[in-house]
Amino acid sequence: NHRDAVERVARYLNDHGVVNEIFHGGLDQRDRERTLTLFRNGSCRILITTDLAARGLDIPDIDAVIHYHLPVNAESWTHRNGRTARMGAGGTAYVLALGDEVLPDFIPDDVYRESLPAEAIIPPQPRWCTLMLNKGRKDKVNKVDVVGFFCQKGGLSKDNIGLIEVKDNQAYVAVSRAEVLALLKRLRGVP
């Protein structure tokens, strides 16, 4: 239940040019789904969340979990870190702690400790940018239609189109960040 901390960290990262999204129980369902779409398709590589994301989310290939607030028990520790080990994948769990901070008993004593650099390294912008179309399954739109539209009308090659998710009333399309502005210019006014 650290919604305020999630929003505070997200604002801090945004102010420093780090692309991120938030996920917590205070968001409505549509916003939570949009956030997960952006995270799954690589338009956002940093998801700041409460323990709501520790269970039941289907997001493959999470490289790392960073614990800003320590979990209150071993079960939460296991479920949070389990996000990196879905379907045989591996990842790393990090704990942000002050140098003399005592870690709970459920965190192994032999964890590797390192100091953070004095100067932060800002991660590069994600490769993908997500566009939302106001048409979806109820409009009889499918992934093939979306690829055809972006390639034929938008002049994109297939390798500049990433993950596509078609919902009932809209579709989310990951497009190469390097191509998105030119694409939008070419599509301006196209029905």
Protein backbone atom coordinates (compact mmCIF):
# COMPACT_ATOMS: atom_id res chain seq x y z
CA ASN A 1 0.00 0.00 0.00
CA HIS A 2 2.64 2.48 -1.03
CA ARG A 3 0.71 4.36 -3.72
CA ASP A 4 2.09 7.76 -2.68
CA ALA A 5 5.67 6.45 -2.82
CA VAL A 6 5.02 4.96 -6.28
CA GLU A 7 3.79 8.31 -7.59
CA ARG A 8 6.62 10.23 -5.88
CA VAL A 9 9.31 7.97 -7.40
CA ALA A 10 7.65 8.17 -10.83
CA ARG A 11 7.59 11.99 -10.69
CA TYR A 12 11.26 12.05 -9.69
CA LEU A 13 12.23 9.78 -12.58
CA ASN A 14 10.07 11.77 -15.03
CA ASP A 15 11.74 15.00 -13.89
CA HIS A 16 15.10 13.39 -14.73
CA GLY A 17 14.09 12.13 -18.18
CA VAL A 18 13.56 8.47 -17.28
CA VAL A 19 10.58 6.88 -19.04
CA ASN A 20 8.46 4.95 -16.55
CA GLU A 21 4.88 3.98 -15.79
CA ILE A 22 3.03 3.38 -12.53
CA PHE A 23 0.79 0.52 -11.50
CA HIS A 24 -1.26 0.41 -8.29
CA GLY A 25 -4.77 -0.25 -7.02
CA GLY A 26 -5.72 3.43 -7.12
CA LEU A 27 -5.71 3.43 -10.93
CA ASP A 28 -8.83 2.45 -12.80
CA GLN A 29 -8.76 -0.82 -14.73
CA ARG A 30 -8.30 0.83 -18.13
CA ASP A 31 -5.22 2.73 -16.91
CA ARG A 32 -3.76 -0.43 -15.37
CA GLU A 33 -4.29 -2.33 -18.64
CA ARG A 34 -2.71 0.51 -20.66
CA THR A 35 0.31 0.55 -18.34
CA LEU A 36 0.80 -3.19 -18.66
CA THR A 37 0.53 -2.95 -22.45
CA LEU A 38 3.27 -0.29 -22.54
CA PHE A 39 5.47 -2.41 -20.28
CA ARG A 40 4.89 -5.65 -22.21
CA ASN A 41 5.59 -4.09 -25.59
CA GLY A 42 8.79 -2.33 -24.53
CA SER A 43 7.53 1.27 -24.77
CA CYS A 44 8.27 1.52 -21.08
CA ARG A 45 11.03 -0.52 -19.47
CA ILE A 46 10.52 0.72 -15.90
CA LEU A 47 7.34 -0.12 -14.01
CA ILE A 48 6.96 1.38 -10.55
CA THR A 49 4.39 -0.52 -8.58
CA THR A 50 3.01 -1.58 -5.26
CA ASP A 51 2.73 -5.26 -4.33
CA LEU A 52 -0.32 -5.38 -6.61
CA ALA A 53 2.09 -6.44 -9.38
CA ALA A 54 3.68 -9.20 -7.32
CA ARG A 55 1.01 -11.75 -8.21
CA GLY A 56 -0.99 -12.77 -11.20
CA LEU A 57 0.41 -10.50 -13.90
CA ASP A 58 1.43 -12.14 -17.15
CA ILE A 59 4.53 -10.18 -18.08
CA PRO A 60 7.40 -12.25 -19.48
CA ASP A 61 11.07 -11.27 -19.55
CA ILE A 62 11.41 -9.02 -16.52
CA ASP A 63 15.15 -8.51 -16.06
CA ALA A 64 15.14 -7.06 -12.56
CA VAL A 65 13.03 -6.25 -9.54
CA ILE A 66 14.25 -3.35 -7.41
CA HIS A 67 12.90 -3.24 -3.87
CA TYR A 68 12.50 0.39 -2.85
CA HIS A 69 10.43 -0.55 0.20
CA LEU A 70 11.25 -3.93 1.66
CA PRO A 71 8.46 -6.49 1.73
CA VAL A 72 6.97 -7.26 5.12
CA ASN A 73 7.34 -11.05 4.92
CA ALA A 74 9.06 -13.90 3.11
CA GLU A 75 6.00 -14.70 1.00
CA SER A 76 5.91 -11.16 -0.45
CA TRP A 77 9.69 -11.33 -1.05
CA THR A 78 9.25 -14.56 -3.00
CA HIS A 79 6.31 -13.32 -5.07
CA ARG A 80 7.95 -9.99 -5.93
CA ASN A 81 11.17 -11.67 -7.04
CA GLY A 82 9.22 -14.35 -8.87
CA ARG A 83 8.35 -11.76 -11.52
CA THR A 84 11.87 -12.32 -12.91
CA ALA A 85 11.65 -16.12 -13.08
CA ARG A 86 8.51 -16.72 -15.08
CA MET A 87 8.51 -19.68 -17.45
CA GLY A 88 12.14 -20.62 -16.82
CA ALA A 89 13.55 -17.11 -17.28
CA GLY A 90 16.04 -15.56 -14.90
CA GLY A 91 16.58 -12.12 -13.47
CA THR A 92 18.07 -10.19 -10.59
CA ALA A 93 16.51 -8.80 -7.44
CA TYR A 94 18.00 -5.62 -5.97
CA VAL A 95 17.38 -4.06 -2.57
CA LEU A 96 17.93 -0.35 -2.05
CA ALA A 97 19.15 -0.01 1.52
CA LEU A 98 21.30 2.37 3.52
CA GLY A 99 24.78 1.00 4.25
CA ASP A 100 24.04 0.01 7.86
CA GLU A 101 20.40 -0.91 7.40
CA VAL A 102 19.54 -4.32 8.83
CA LEU A 103 17.79 -6.55 6.34
CA PRO A 104 14.94 -8.85 7.42
CA ASP A 105 15.75 -12.50 8.20
CA PHE A 106 14.11 -13.76 4.99
CA ILE A 107 16.70 -11.96 2.84
CA PRO A 108 19.82 -14.15 2.57
CA ASP A 109 22.92 -12.99 4.47
CA ASP A 110 25.21 -13.67 1.53
CA VAL A 111 23.69 -11.07 -0.79
CA TYR A 112 26.20 -9.16 -2.86
CA ARG A 113 26.47 -5.52 -1.74
CA GLU A 114 27.61 -2.65 -3.86
CA SER A 115 27.53 1.12 -3.61
CA LEU A 116 25.63 3.20 -6.10
CA PRO A 117 27.71 5.51 -8.28
CA ALA A 118 27.81 9.20 -7.36
CA GLU A 119 26.51 10.11 -10.83
CA ALA A 120 23.38 8.33 -11.97
CA ILE A 121 23.41 6.66 -15.36
CA ILE A 122 20.23 7.59 -17.19
CA PRO A 123 18.90 4.65 -19.23
CA PRO A 124 18.32 5.25 -22.93
CA GLN A 125 14.84 5.89 -24.26
CA PRO A 126 12.93 2.70 -25.05
CA ARG A 127 13.14 1.50 -28.66
CA TRP A 128 9.36 1.48 -28.97
CA CYS A 129 6.65 4.11 -28.67
CA THR A 130 3.00 3.05 -28.42
CA LEU A 131 0.23 4.47 -30.56
CA MET A 132 -3.42 3.89 -29.74
CA LEU A 133 -6.00 3.40 -32.47
CA ASN A 134 -9.64 4.11 -31.63
CA LYS A 135 -10.75 0.90 -33.33
CA GLY A 136 -10.72 -2.61 -31.91
CA ARG A 137 -12.25 -6.09 -32.08
CA LYS A 138 -15.78 -4.71 -31.94
CA ASP A 139 -14.94 -2.78 -35.11
CA LYS A 140 -13.65 -6.02 -36.68
CA VAL A 141 -10.02 -4.85 -36.50
CA ASN A 142 -7.29 -7.48 -36.05
CA LYS A 143 -3.48 -7.48 -35.94
CA VAL A 144 -3.16 -8.18 -39.67
CA ASP A 145 -5.30 -5.11 -40.42
CA VAL A 146 -3.11 -2.96 -38.19
CA VAL A 147 0.14 -4.15 -39.80
CA GLY A 148 -1.34 -3.61 -43.27
CA PHE A 149 -2.47 -0.09 -42.41
CA PHE A 150 0.88 0.95 -40.92
CA CYS A 151 2.87 -0.59 -43.78
CA GLN A 152 0.66 0.47 -46.71
CA LYS A 153 -0.66 3.85 -45.55
CA GLY A 154 2.12 4.70 -43.10
CA GLY A 155 5.08 3.47 -45.13
CA LEU A 156 6.58 1.45 -42.26
CA SER A 157 8.46 -1.78 -42.70
CA LYS A 158 7.38 -4.71 -40.53
CA ASP A 159 10.57 -4.54 -38.44
CA ASN A 160 9.49 -1.05 -37.26
CA ILE A 161 6.29 -2.51 -35.81
CA GLY A 162 6.45 -4.25 -32.47
CA LEU A 163 3.82 -5.89 -30.29
CA ILE A 164 0.20 -5.19 -31.20
CA GLU A 165 -2.64 -5.68 -28.72
CA VAL A 166 -6.19 -5.40 -30.03
CA LYS A 167 -8.78 -4.75 -27.32
CA ASP A 168 -12.56 -4.44 -27.73
CA ASN A 169 -12.60 -0.74 -28.61
CA GLN A 170 -8.98 0.17 -29.32
CA ALA A 171 -5.67 -1.24 -30.47
CA TYR A 172 -2.20 -0.50 -29.08
CA VAL A 173 0.69 -0.64 -31.52
CA ALA A 174 4.38 -0.46 -30.62
CA VAL A 175 6.20 1.53 -33.30
CA SER A 176 9.91 2.25 -33.57
CA ARG A 177 10.52 5.49 -31.65
CA ALA A 178 12.81 6.64 -34.47
CA GLU A 179 9.94 6.35 -36.99
CA VAL A 180 6.93 7.55 -35.01
CA LEU A 181 6.99 11.28 -35.89
CA ALA A 182 7.39 10.64 -39.62
CA LEU A 183 4.65 8.00 -39.42
CA LEU A 184 2.23 10.41 -37.77
CA LYS A 185 2.93 13.02 -40.47
CA ARG A 186 2.25 10.49 -43.22
CA LEU A 187 -0.97 9.34 -41.56
CA ARG A 188 -2.35 12.80 -40.86
CA GLY A 189 -5.80 12.99 -42.46
CA VAL A 190 -5.82 9.33 -43.56
CA PRO A 191 -9.17 7.70 -42.68
